Amino acid sequence: MFGNYKLDLSQGQNANFDELVAANMVQDAPPASSIIPPRSSTVSIWPTSLSTSILSSATTQPSQTGVPSSCADASALAFPIKTAKGWKATKIAGGLNQPRGLIFDSIGHLLVIQNGLGVTAHEIGPDGCIASAKTLIRQQNLNHGIVLSLDGKTLYASSATSVYAWSYEAATMSVSGNSTIVVSGMDARGHVTRTLVIPPKYPNLLLVSHGSNDNYDYGSADMKVGRSMVKVFETAKAPTTGYDYATSGYQMGYGLRNEVGLAFDGAGM
C-alpha cells in the first residue's frame, strides 16, 4: 500500500517458486574442473561472421568461480541482507564512488562505472573475491551507461550529455588511445542516467536511453527536444564529431520517463 494506491501482489506470486529455486541453486565452492562448458545456444543469435571472429580471437576463456562466504578485503555489510531460500549474497567490494553500472568483459573481469570517478577494472579470483583492481578511465563526468561491443574490443560509457568509446584490451584490462565521441547533445537536466545496450543480432547498433528532465516532462511532447526516449545509432557510420542525439538516430521508443533497464531476449527482441 502506497499513499492512496493499493497493489494486489498475488498475481506476481509463483506457486512453483521453491521448485524454481531448487533447480537454480548456486554452488558453495568453485567447480572442481576448470573446463569451460560449451557456450549456450544464445550464441546462435549472433551473425555467423561475428560469432566466428569472437570465438577465434578469444585467447583466454572466462574463469569460473563459486560464491564466497566472505571476502577478506571487503568491509562488513552496513545492513543485513535477507535472501530467498536457496540464495545467498556476499559483499565482495566496498568503498566505491557511487557505482552506477557494471559489466563483465570477455574473460570475466568486472568493469564498474563510478559516478564522479570514471571506470574501474576488477579481476575476480578463483574464490569469487576481487583479486586486484585499478582505475581504467579517470573521467569524472561519466555517470551511468556502460557496455562492451560484442567482440569485446570497444568500451562505451556515457556522461549525462555524451557517449564515448575507447579501444579495450581484456587481457591487460586497459584502454588505448584517446576516446571518441559517438553521441552528444543530450540534455543535462533532470534524469541524467543513460543506459547503453547493443542488440545481439546487430553488433554495429547502439541503443541509448535518455530520461526526462522532470517527473512530468511536458516539453518532451515535442519529439524534437530529444528526451524521454530510446534511440538507436549505427556506430560504424558515426560522424567524426559524433551523432547529435536530438536530431540523429532512429526512434526506438518514445514517451519514456527514465528507462534505465534495457535487455534483449533469446530471440534478440
C-alpha atoms as a PDB file:
ATOM      1  CA  MET A   1       0.000   0.000   0.000  1.00  0.00           C
ATOM      2  CA  PHE A   2       1.452   3.374  -1.008  1.00  0.00           C
ATOM      3  CA  GLY A   3      -0.408   6.606  -0.387  1.00  0.00           C
ATOM      4  CA  ASN A   4      -3.882   6.203  -1.882  1.00  0.00           C
ATOM      5  CA  TYR A   5      -2.840   3.252  -4.030  1.00  0.00           C
ATOM      6  CA  LYS A   6      -3.316  -0.406  -3.162  1.00  0.00           C
ATOM      7  CA  LEU A   7      -1.400  -3.045  -5.099  1.00  0.00           C
ATOM      8  CA  ASP A   8      -2.504  -6.667  -5.423  1.00  0.00           C
ATOM      9  CA  LEU A   9       0.747  -8.644  -5.360  1.00  0.00           C
ATOM     10  CA  SER A  10      -0.926 -12.046  -5.539  1.00  0.00           C
ATOM     11  CA  GLN A  11      -0.626 -12.060  -9.339  1.00  0.00           C
ATOM     12  CA  GLY A  12       3.122 -11.720  -9.005  1.00  0.00           C
ATOM     13  CA  GLN A  13       3.482 -14.871  -6.910  1.00  0.00           C
ATOM     14  CA  ASN A  14       4.528 -18.192  -8.410  1.00  0.00           C
ATOM     15  CA  ALA A  15       3.219 -21.393  -6.853  1.00  0.00           C
ATOM     16  CA  ASN A  16       6.324 -23.233  -8.135  1.00  0.00           C
ATOM     17  CA  PHE A  17       8.820 -20.761  -6.639  1.00  0.00           C
ATOM     18  CA  ASP A  18      10.544 -23.288  -4.353  1.00  0.00           C
ATOM     19  CA  GLU A  19      10.997 -25.728  -7.251  1.00  0.00           C
ATOM     20  CA  LEU A  20      12.449 -22.978  -9.435  1.00  0.00           C
ATOM     21  CA  VAL A  21      14.945 -22.029  -6.728  1.00  0.00           C
ATOM     22  CA  ALA A  22      15.964 -25.664  -6.169  1.00  0.00           C
ATOM     23  CA  ALA A  23      16.669 -26.075  -9.876  1.00  0.00           C
ATOM     24  CA  ASN A  24      18.877 -22.965  -9.967  1.00  0.00           C
ATOM     25  CA  MET A  25      20.769 -23.036  -6.685  1.00  0.00           C
ATOM     26  CA  VAL A  26      24.253 -21.541  -6.652  1.00  0.00           C
ATOM     27  CA  GLN A  27      27.276 -23.632  -5.753  1.00  0.00           C
ATOM     28  CA  ASP A  28      29.071 -23.137  -2.455  1.00  0.00           C
ATOM     29  CA  ALA A  29      32.517 -23.707  -3.963  1.00  0.00           C
ATOM     30  CA  PRO A  30      34.202 -23.293  -7.339  1.00  0.00           C
ATOM     31  CA  PRO A  31      33.722 -26.231  -9.740  1.00  0.00           C
ATOM     32  CA  ALA A  32      36.370 -28.927  -9.458  1.00  0.00           C
ATOM     33  CA  SER A  33      37.071 -28.760 -13.175  1.00  0.00           C
ATOM     34  CA  SER A  34      38.392 -25.656 -14.903  1.00  0.00           C
ATOM     35  CA  ILE A  35      36.983 -26.775 -18.242  1.00  0.00           C
ATOM     36  CA  ILE A  36      34.542 -24.232 -19.573  1.00  0.00           C
ATOM     37  CA  PRO A  37      31.203 -25.744 -20.595  1.00  0.00           C
ATOM     38  CA  PRO A  38      30.003 -25.245 -24.163  1.00  0.00           C
ATOM     39  CA  ARG A  39      28.529 -21.850 -24.874  1.00  0.00           C
ATOM     40  CA  SER A  40      24.794 -21.650 -24.622  1.00  0.00           C
ATOM     41  CA  SER A  41      22.529 -21.630 -27.640  1.00  0.00           C
ATOM     42  CA  THR A  42      22.183 -17.864 -27.326  1.00  0.00           C
ATOM     43  CA  VAL A  43      25.366 -17.576 -29.374  1.00  0.00           C
ATOM     44  CA  SER A  44      23.304 -18.647 -32.367  1.00  0.00           C
ATOM     45  CA  ILE A  45      21.521 -15.315 -32.336  1.00  0.00           C
ATOM     46  CA  TRP A  46      24.759 -13.606 -33.334  1.00  0.00           C
ATOM     47  CA  PRO A  47      25.611 -13.367 -37.054  1.00  0.00           C
ATOM     48  CA  THR A  48      27.810 -16.263 -38.165  1.00  0.00           C
ATOM     49  CA  SER A  49      30.579 -13.966 -39.310  1.00  0.00           C
ATOM     50  CA  LEU A  50      30.665 -12.238 -35.935  1.00  0.00           C
ATOM     51  CA  SER A  51      30.482 -15.298 -33.689  1.00  0.00           C
ATOM     52  CA  THR A  52      33.304 -16.960 -35.633  1.00  0.00           C
ATOM     53  CA  SER A  53      35.586 -13.973 -35.179  1.00  0.00           C
ATOM     54  CA  ILE A  54      34.725 -13.681 -31.494  1.00  0.00           C
ATOM     55  CA  LEU A  55      35.451 -17.321 -30.719  1.00  0.00           C
ATOM     56  CA  SER A  56      38.666 -17.440 -32.735  1.00  0.00           C
ATOM     57  CA  SER A  57      40.012 -14.213 -31.205  1.00  0.00           C
ATOM     58  CA  ALA A  58      39.472 -15.294 -27.594  1.00  0.00           C
ATOM     59  CA  THR A  59      42.855 -16.323 -26.179  1.00  0.00           C
ATOM     60  CA  THR A  60      41.575 -16.751 -22.647  1.00  0.00           C
ATOM     61  CA  GLN A  61      38.228 -18.097 -21.524  1.00  0.00           C
ATOM     62  CA  PRO A  62      36.291 -16.622 -18.597  1.00  0.00           C
ATOM     63  CA  SER A  63      37.149 -18.247 -15.288  1.00  0.00           C
ATOM     64  CA  GLN A  64      34.530 -19.989 -13.202  1.00  0.00           C
ATOM     65  CA  THR A  65      34.113 -19.130  -9.550  1.00  0.00           C
ATOM     66  CA  GLY A  66      31.855 -20.049  -6.712  1.00  0.00           C
ATOM     67  CA  VAL A  67      30.042 -17.690  -4.364  1.00  0.00           C
ATOM     68  CA  PRO A  68      32.361 -16.955  -1.409  1.00  0.00           C
ATOM     69  CA  SER A  69      31.104 -16.913   2.145  1.00  0.00           C
ATOM     70  CA  SER A  70      33.091 -13.718   2.743  1.00  0.00           C
ATOM     71  CA  CYS A  71      35.861 -11.647   1.197  1.00  0.00           C
ATOM     72  CA  ALA A  72      38.701 -10.529   3.468  1.00  0.00           C
ATOM     73  CA  ASP A  73      39.246  -7.188   1.720  1.00  0.00           C
ATOM     74  CA  ALA A  74      35.576  -6.189   1.796  1.00  0.00           C
ATOM     75  CA  SER A  75      34.238  -4.442   4.878  1.00  0.00           C
ATOM     76  CA  ALA A  76      31.200  -5.789   6.679  1.00  0.00           C
ATOM     77  CA  LEU A  77      27.751  -5.053   5.324  1.00  0.00           C
ATOM     78  CA  ALA A  78      26.207  -1.855   6.656  1.00  0.00           C
ATOM     79  CA  PHE A  79      22.807  -3.541   6.666  1.00  0.00           C
ATOM     80  CA  PRO A  80      21.872  -7.244   6.805  1.00  0.00           C
ATOM     81  CA  ILE A  81      20.698  -8.925   3.619  1.00  0.00           C
ATOM     82  CA  LYS A  82      17.828 -11.392   3.614  1.00  0.00           C
ATOM     83  CA  THR A  83      17.560 -13.577   0.524  1.00  0.00           C
ATOM     84  CA  ALA A  84      15.025 -16.100  -0.678  1.00  0.00           C
ATOM     85  CA  LYS A  85      15.537 -19.747   0.249  1.00  0.00           C
ATOM     86  CA  GLY A  86      18.383 -21.289  -1.723  1.00  0.00           C
ATOM     87  CA  TRP A  87      20.066 -17.966  -2.465  1.00  0.00           C
ATOM     88  CA  LYS A  88      22.804 -16.012  -0.703  1.00  0.00           C
ATOM     89  CA  ALA A  89      24.607 -12.705  -1.129  1.00  0.00           C
ATOM     90  CA  THR A  90      28.210 -11.819  -0.303  1.00  0.00           C
ATOM     91  CA  LYS A  91      29.802  -8.388  -0.325  1.00  0.00           C
ATOM     92  CA  ILE A  92      32.919  -8.524  -2.492  1.00  0.00           C
ATOM     93  CA  ALA A  93      33.756  -4.792  -2.730  1.00  0.00           C
ATOM     94  CA  GLY A  94      33.179  -1.579  -0.820  1.00  0.00           C
ATOM     95  CA  GLY A  95      34.351   1.996  -0.759  1.00  0.00           C
ATOM     96  CA  LEU A  96      33.201   2.618  -4.331  1.00  0.00           C
ATOM     97  CA  ASN A  97      32.263   6.083  -5.566  1.00  0.00           C
ATOM     98  CA  GLN A  98      28.556   5.924  -6.474  1.00  0.00           C
ATOM     99  CA  PRO A  99      28.759   2.799  -8.676  1.00  0.00           C
ATOM    100  CA  ARG A 100      26.051   3.137 -11.321  1.00  0.00           C
ATOM    101  CA  GLY A 101      26.639   0.322 -13.806  1.00  0.00           C
ATOM    102  CA  LEU A 102      28.686  -2.857 -14.162  1.00  0.00           C
ATOM    103  CA  ILE A 103      29.571  -5.341 -16.895  1.00  0.00           C
ATOM    104  CA  PHE A 104      31.974  -8.257 -17.395  1.00  0.00           C
ATOM    105  CA  ASP A 105      34.498  -8.340 -20.223  1.00  0.00           C
ATOM    106  CA  SER A 106      35.171 -11.339 -22.449  1.00  0.00           C
ATOM    107  CA  ILE A 107      37.390 -13.097 -19.898  1.00  0.00           C
ATOM    108  CA  GLY A 108      35.441 -12.297 -16.758  1.00  0.00           C
ATOM    109  CA  HIS A 109      36.918  -9.048 -15.488  1.00  0.00           C
ATOM    110  CA  LEU A 110      34.407  -6.767 -13.790  1.00  0.00           C
ATOM    111  CA  LEU A 111      34.148  -3.206 -15.131  1.00  0.00           C
ATOM    112  CA  VAL A 112      32.343  -0.652 -12.952  1.00  0.00           C
ATOM    113  CA  ILE A 113      31.351   2.872 -13.916  1.00  0.00           C
ATOM    114  CA  GLN A 114      31.541   5.117 -10.851  1.00  0.00           C
ATOM    115  CA  ASN A 115      29.839   8.495 -10.901  1.00  0.00           C
ATOM    116  CA  GLY A 116      32.369  11.271 -10.282  1.00  0.00           C
ATOM    117  CA  LEU A 117      35.374   8.989 -10.842  1.00  0.00           C
ATOM    118  CA  GLY A 118      35.266   7.078 -14.124  1.00  0.00           C
ATOM    119  CA  VAL A 119      35.574   3.357 -14.905  1.00  0.00           C
ATOM    120  CA  THR A 120      37.400   0.843 -12.723  1.00  0.00           C
ATOM    121  CA  ALA A 121      38.509  -2.701 -13.645  1.00  0.00           C
ATOM    122  CA  HIS A 122      38.451  -5.601 -11.184  1.00  0.00           C
ATOM    123  CA  GLU A 123      39.990  -9.059 -11.527  1.00  0.00           C
ATOM    124  CA  ILE A 124      37.935 -11.811  -9.878  1.00  0.00           C
ATOM    125  CA  GLY A 125      39.951 -14.519  -8.158  1.00  0.00           C
ATOM    126  CA  PRO A 126      39.132 -18.246  -8.151  1.00  0.00           C
ATOM    127  CA  ASP A 127      37.433 -17.819  -4.762  1.00  0.00           C
ATOM    128  CA  GLY A 128      34.954 -15.315  -6.217  1.00  0.00           C
ATOM    129  CA  CYS A 129      36.515 -12.338  -4.417  1.00  0.00           C
ATOM    130  CA  ILE A 130      38.273  -9.411  -6.060  1.00  0.00           C
ATOM    131  CA  ALA A 131      41.961 -10.182  -6.523  1.00  0.00           C
ATOM    132  CA  SER A 132      43.043  -6.807  -7.924  1.00  0.00           C
ATOM    133  CA  ALA A 133      41.533  -3.517  -9.019  1.00  0.00           C
ATOM    134  CA  LYS A 134      42.631  -0.413 -10.879  1.00  0.00           C
ATOM    135  CA  THR A 135      41.218   2.757 -12.400  1.00  0.00           C
ATOM    136  CA  LEU A 136      40.711   2.065 -16.078  1.00  0.00           C
ATOM    137  CA  ILE A 137      39.413   5.511 -17.119  1.00  0.00           C
ATOM    138  CA  ARG A 138      39.605   8.578 -14.921  1.00  0.00           C
ATOM    139  CA  GLN A 139      36.841  10.867 -16.166  1.00  0.00           C
ATOM    140  CA  GLN A 140      34.616  12.458 -13.551  1.00  0.00           C
ATOM    141  CA  ASN A 141      31.630  13.220 -15.787  1.00  0.00           C
ATOM    142  CA  LEU A 142      30.941   9.549 -16.542  1.00  0.00           C
ATOM    143  CA  ASN A 143      27.827   8.596 -14.635  1.00  0.00           C
ATOM    144  CA  HIS A 144      25.801   5.577 -15.687  1.00  0.00           C
ATOM    145  CA  GLY A 145      25.822   3.890 -19.099  1.00  0.00           C
ATOM    146  CA  ILE A 146      28.447   1.235 -19.842  1.00  0.00           C
ATOM    147  CA  VAL A 147      28.610  -1.566 -22.430  1.00  0.00           C
ATOM    148  CA  LEU A 148      31.190  -3.527 -24.425  1.00  0.00           C
ATOM    149  CA  SER A 149      30.948  -4.245 -28.140  1.00  0.00           C
ATOM    150  CA  LEU A 150      30.070  -7.853 -28.931  1.00  0.00           C
ATOM    151  CA  ASP A 151      33.666  -8.640 -29.866  1.00  0.00           C
ATOM    152  CA  GLY A 152      34.795  -7.170 -26.538  1.00  0.00           C
ATOM    153  CA  LYS A 153      37.215  -4.719 -28.133  1.00  0.00           C
ATOM    154  CA  THR A 154      35.345  -1.418 -27.785  1.00  0.00           C
ATOM    155  CA  LEU A 155      34.160   0.020 -24.493  1.00  0.00           C
ATOM    156  CA  TYR A 156      31.309   2.538 -24.459  1.00  0.00           C
ATOM    157  CA  ALA A 157      30.467   4.719 -21.457  1.00  0.00           C
ATOM    158  CA  SER A 158      28.238   7.740 -21.008  1.00  0.00           C
ATOM    159  CA  SER A 159      28.091  11.050 -19.240  1.00  0.00           C
ATOM    160  CA  ALA A 160      24.827  12.966 -18.954  1.00  0.00           C
ATOM    161  CA  THR A 161      25.449  14.635 -22.317  1.00  0.00           C
ATOM    162  CA  SER A 162      27.674  12.314 -24.385  1.00  0.00           C
ATOM    163  CA  VAL A 163      28.547   8.697 -25.192  1.00  0.00           C
ATOM    164  CA  TYR A 164      32.274   7.926 -25.504  1.00  0.00           C
ATOM    165  CA  ALA A 165      34.152   4.963 -26.982  1.00  0.00           C
ATOM    166  CA  TRP A 166      37.600   3.517 -26.213  1.00  0.00           C
ATOM    167  CA  SER A 167      39.619   0.626 -27.647  1.00  0.00           C
ATOM    168  CA  TYR A 168      39.687  -2.034 -24.911  1.00  0.00           C
ATOM    169  CA  GLU A 169      42.021  -4.979 -24.273  1.00  0.00           C
ATOM    170  CA  ALA A 170      40.578  -7.575 -21.902  1.00  0.00           C
ATOM    171  CA  ALA A 171      43.820  -9.487 -21.310  1.00  0.00           C
ATOM    172  CA  THR A 172      45.502  -6.419 -19.806  1.00  0.00           C
ATOM    173  CA  MET A 173      42.368  -4.645 -18.533  1.00  0.00           C
ATOM    174  CA  SER A 174      43.409  -1.496 -20.385  1.00  0.00           C
ATOM    175  CA  VAL A 175      42.249   1.072 -22.914  1.00  0.00           C
ATOM    176  CA  SER A 176      44.441   2.538 -25.627  1.00  0.00           C
ATOM    177  CA  GLY A 177      44.354   5.874 -27.416  1.00  0.00           C
ATOM    178  CA  ASN A 178      42.016   8.760 -26.808  1.00  0.00           C
ATOM    179  CA  SER A 179      38.267   8.400 -26.523  1.00  0.00           C
ATOM    180  CA  THR A 180      35.981   9.243 -29.424  1.00  0.00           C
ATOM    181  CA  ILE A 181      32.526  10.782 -29.102  1.00  0.00           C
ATOM    182  CA  VAL A 182      29.768   8.588 -30.509  1.00  0.00           C
ATOM    183  CA  VAL A 183      26.725  10.629 -29.387  1.00  0.00           C
ATOM    184  CA  SER A 184      26.496  14.145 -27.962  1.00  0.00           C
ATOM    185  CA  GLY A 185      23.964  16.879 -27.333  1.00  0.00           C
ATOM    186  CA  MET A 186      21.913  15.137 -24.637  1.00  0.00           C
ATOM    187  CA  ASP A 187      20.108  17.222 -22.004  1.00  0.00           C
ATOM    188  CA  ALA A 188      21.983  17.534 -18.710  1.00  0.00           C
ATOM    189  CA  ARG A 189      18.873  18.338 -16.634  1.00  0.00           C
ATOM    190  CA  GLY A 190      16.607  16.002 -14.675  1.00  0.00           C
ATOM    191  CA  HIS A 191      17.154  12.253 -15.048  1.00  0.00           C
ATOM    192  CA  VAL A 192      20.727  12.072 -16.271  1.00  0.00           C
ATOM    193  CA  THR A 193      21.001   8.269 -16.327  1.00  0.00           C
ATOM    194  CA  ARG A 194      21.915   6.960 -19.778  1.00  0.00           C
ATOM    195  CA  THR A 195      21.551   3.230 -20.380  1.00  0.00           C
ATOM    196  CA  LEU A 196      23.600   1.766 -23.254  1.00  0.00           C
ATOM    197  CA  VAL A 197      22.929  -1.623 -24.874  1.00  0.00           C
ATOM    198  CA  ILE A 198      23.937  -3.380 -28.111  1.00  0.00           C
ATOM    199  CA  PRO A 199      21.496  -5.790 -29.816  1.00  0.00           C
ATOM    200  CA  PRO A 200      22.918  -9.351 -30.036  1.00  0.00           C
ATOM    201  CA  LYS A 201      21.943  -9.627 -33.710  1.00  0.00           C
ATOM    202  CA  TYR A 202      23.235  -6.213 -34.725  1.00  0.00           C
ATOM    203  CA  PRO A 203      26.754  -5.514 -33.379  1.00  0.00           C
ATOM    204  CA  ASN A 204      27.003  -2.130 -35.112  1.00  0.00           C
ATOM    205  CA  LEU A 205      23.921  -0.685 -33.422  1.00  0.00           C
ATOM    206  CA  LEU A 206      23.970   1.136 -30.097  1.00  0.00           C
ATOM    207  CA  LEU A 207      20.792   1.884 -28.131  1.00  0.00           C
ATOM    208  CA  VAL A 208      20.902   4.951 -25.902  1.00  0.00           C
ATOM    209  CA  SER A 209      18.152   5.636 -23.354  1.00  0.00           C
ATOM    210  CA  HIS A 210      17.569   9.298 -22.412  1.00  0.00           C
ATOM    211  CA  GLY A 211      15.422  10.138 -19.396  1.00  0.00           C
ATOM    212  CA  SER A 212      13.052  13.054 -18.869  1.00  0.00           C
ATOM    213  CA  ASN A 213      14.118  16.374 -17.371  1.00  0.00           C
ATOM    214  CA  ASP A 214      11.485  16.097 -14.632  1.00  0.00           C
ATOM    215  CA  ASN A 215       8.847  13.669 -13.387  1.00  0.00           C
ATOM    216  CA  TYR A 216       6.418  15.484 -15.689  1.00  0.00           C
ATOM    217  CA  ASP A 217       8.400  16.461 -18.780  1.00  0.00           C
ATOM    218  CA  TYR A 218       5.821  18.457 -20.706  1.00  0.00           C
ATOM    219  CA  GLY A 219       8.411  19.715 -23.193  1.00  0.00           C
ATOM    220  CA  SER A 220       9.112  16.192 -24.398  1.00  0.00           C
ATOM    221  CA  ALA A 221       5.678  16.111 -26.030  1.00  0.00           C
ATOM    222  CA  ASP A 222       7.698  17.533 -28.926  1.00  0.00           C
ATOM    223  CA  MET A 223       9.942  14.672 -30.081  1.00  0.00           C
ATOM    224  CA  LYS A 224      12.429  17.151 -31.471  1.00  0.00           C
ATOM    225  CA  VAL A 225      13.633  18.037 -27.960  1.00  0.00           C
ATOM    226  CA  GLY A 226      15.228  14.575 -27.745  1.00  0.00           C
ATOM    227  CA  ARG A 227      14.212  13.464 -24.244  1.00  0.00           C
ATOM    228  CA  SER A 228      12.174  10.668 -22.658  1.00  0.00           C
ATOM    229  CA  MET A 229      13.105   8.222 -25.389  1.00  0.00           C
ATOM    230  CA  VAL A 230      15.341   5.409 -26.595  1.00  0.00           C
ATOM    231  CA  LYS A 231      17.277   5.944 -29.828  1.00  0.00           C
ATOM    232  CA  VAL A 232      19.429   3.689 -31.993  1.00  0.00           C
ATOM    233  CA  PHE A 233      22.708   4.769 -33.608  1.00  0.00           C
ATOM    234  CA  GLU A 234      24.912   2.960 -36.144  1.00  0.00           C
ATOM    235  CA  THR A 235      28.384   3.025 -34.633  1.00  0.00           C
ATOM    236  CA  ALA A 236      30.190   2.031 -37.844  1.00  0.00           C
ATOM    237  CA  LYS A 237      28.961   5.209 -39.545  1.00  0.00           C
ATOM    238  CA  ALA A 238      29.258   7.664 -36.662  1.00  0.00           C
ATOM    239  CA  PRO A 239      30.316  11.180 -37.743  1.00  0.00           C
ATOM    240  CA  THR A 240      33.747  12.395 -36.623  1.00  0.00           C
ATOM    241  CA  THR A 241      32.161  14.677 -34.059  1.00  0.00           C
ATOM    242  CA  GLY A 242      29.525  12.101 -33.067  1.00  0.00           C
ATOM    243  CA  TYR A 243      25.760  11.993 -33.617  1.00  0.00           C
ATOM    244  CA  ASP A 244      23.548  14.715 -32.199  1.00  0.00           C
ATOM    245  CA  TYR A 245      21.058  12.870 -30.013  1.00  0.00           C
ATOM    246  CA  ALA A 246      18.043  15.082 -30.674  1.00  0.00           C
ATOM    247  CA  THR A 247      18.365  15.248 -34.476  1.00  0.00           C
ATOM    248  CA  SER A 248      20.038  11.941 -35.405  1.00  0.00           C
ATOM    249  CA  GLY A 249      19.454   8.231 -34.940  1.00  0.00           C
ATOM    250  CA  TYR A 250      16.407   6.003 -35.238  1.00  0.00           C
ATOM    251  CA  GLN A 251      13.486   6.446 -32.860  1.00  0.00           C
ATOM    252  CA  MET A 252      13.060   3.197 -30.926  1.00  0.00           C
ATOM    253  CA  GLY A 253      10.799   4.231 -28.036  1.00  0.00           C
ATOM    254  CA  TYR A 254       9.093   7.464 -27.008  1.00  0.00           C
ATOM    255  CA  GLY A 255       7.239   8.903 -24.024  1.00  0.00           C
ATOM    256  CA  LEU A 256       9.536   7.096 -21.560  1.00  0.00           C
ATOM    257  CA  ARG A 257      10.204   8.750 -18.211  1.00  0.00           C
ATOM    258  CA  ASN A 258      13.560   7.203 -17.298  1.00  0.00           C
ATOM    259  CA  GLU A 259      14.062   3.771 -18.845  1.00  0.00           C
ATOM    260  CA  VAL A 260      17.279   2.538 -17.255  1.00  0.00           C
ATOM    261  CA  GLY A 261      16.704  -1.214 -17.638  1.00  0.00           C
ATOM    262  CA  LEU A 262      17.063  -2.460 -21.217  1.00  0.00           C
ATOM    263  CA  ALA A 263      17.778  -6.048 -22.272  1.00  0.00           C
ATOM    264  CA  PHE A 264      17.151  -8.491 -25.131  1.00  0.00           C
ATOM    265  CA  ASP A 265      15.520 -11.905 -25.041  1.00  0.00           C
ATOM    266  CA  GLY A 266      16.855 -15.059 -26.683  1.00  0.00           C
ATOM    267  CA  ALA A 267      15.313 -14.083 -29.996  1.00  0.00           C
ATOM    268  CA  GLY A 268      17.103 -10.747 -29.983  1.00  0.00           C
ATOM    269  CA  MET A 269      13.955  -8.740 -29.219  1.00  0.00           C
END
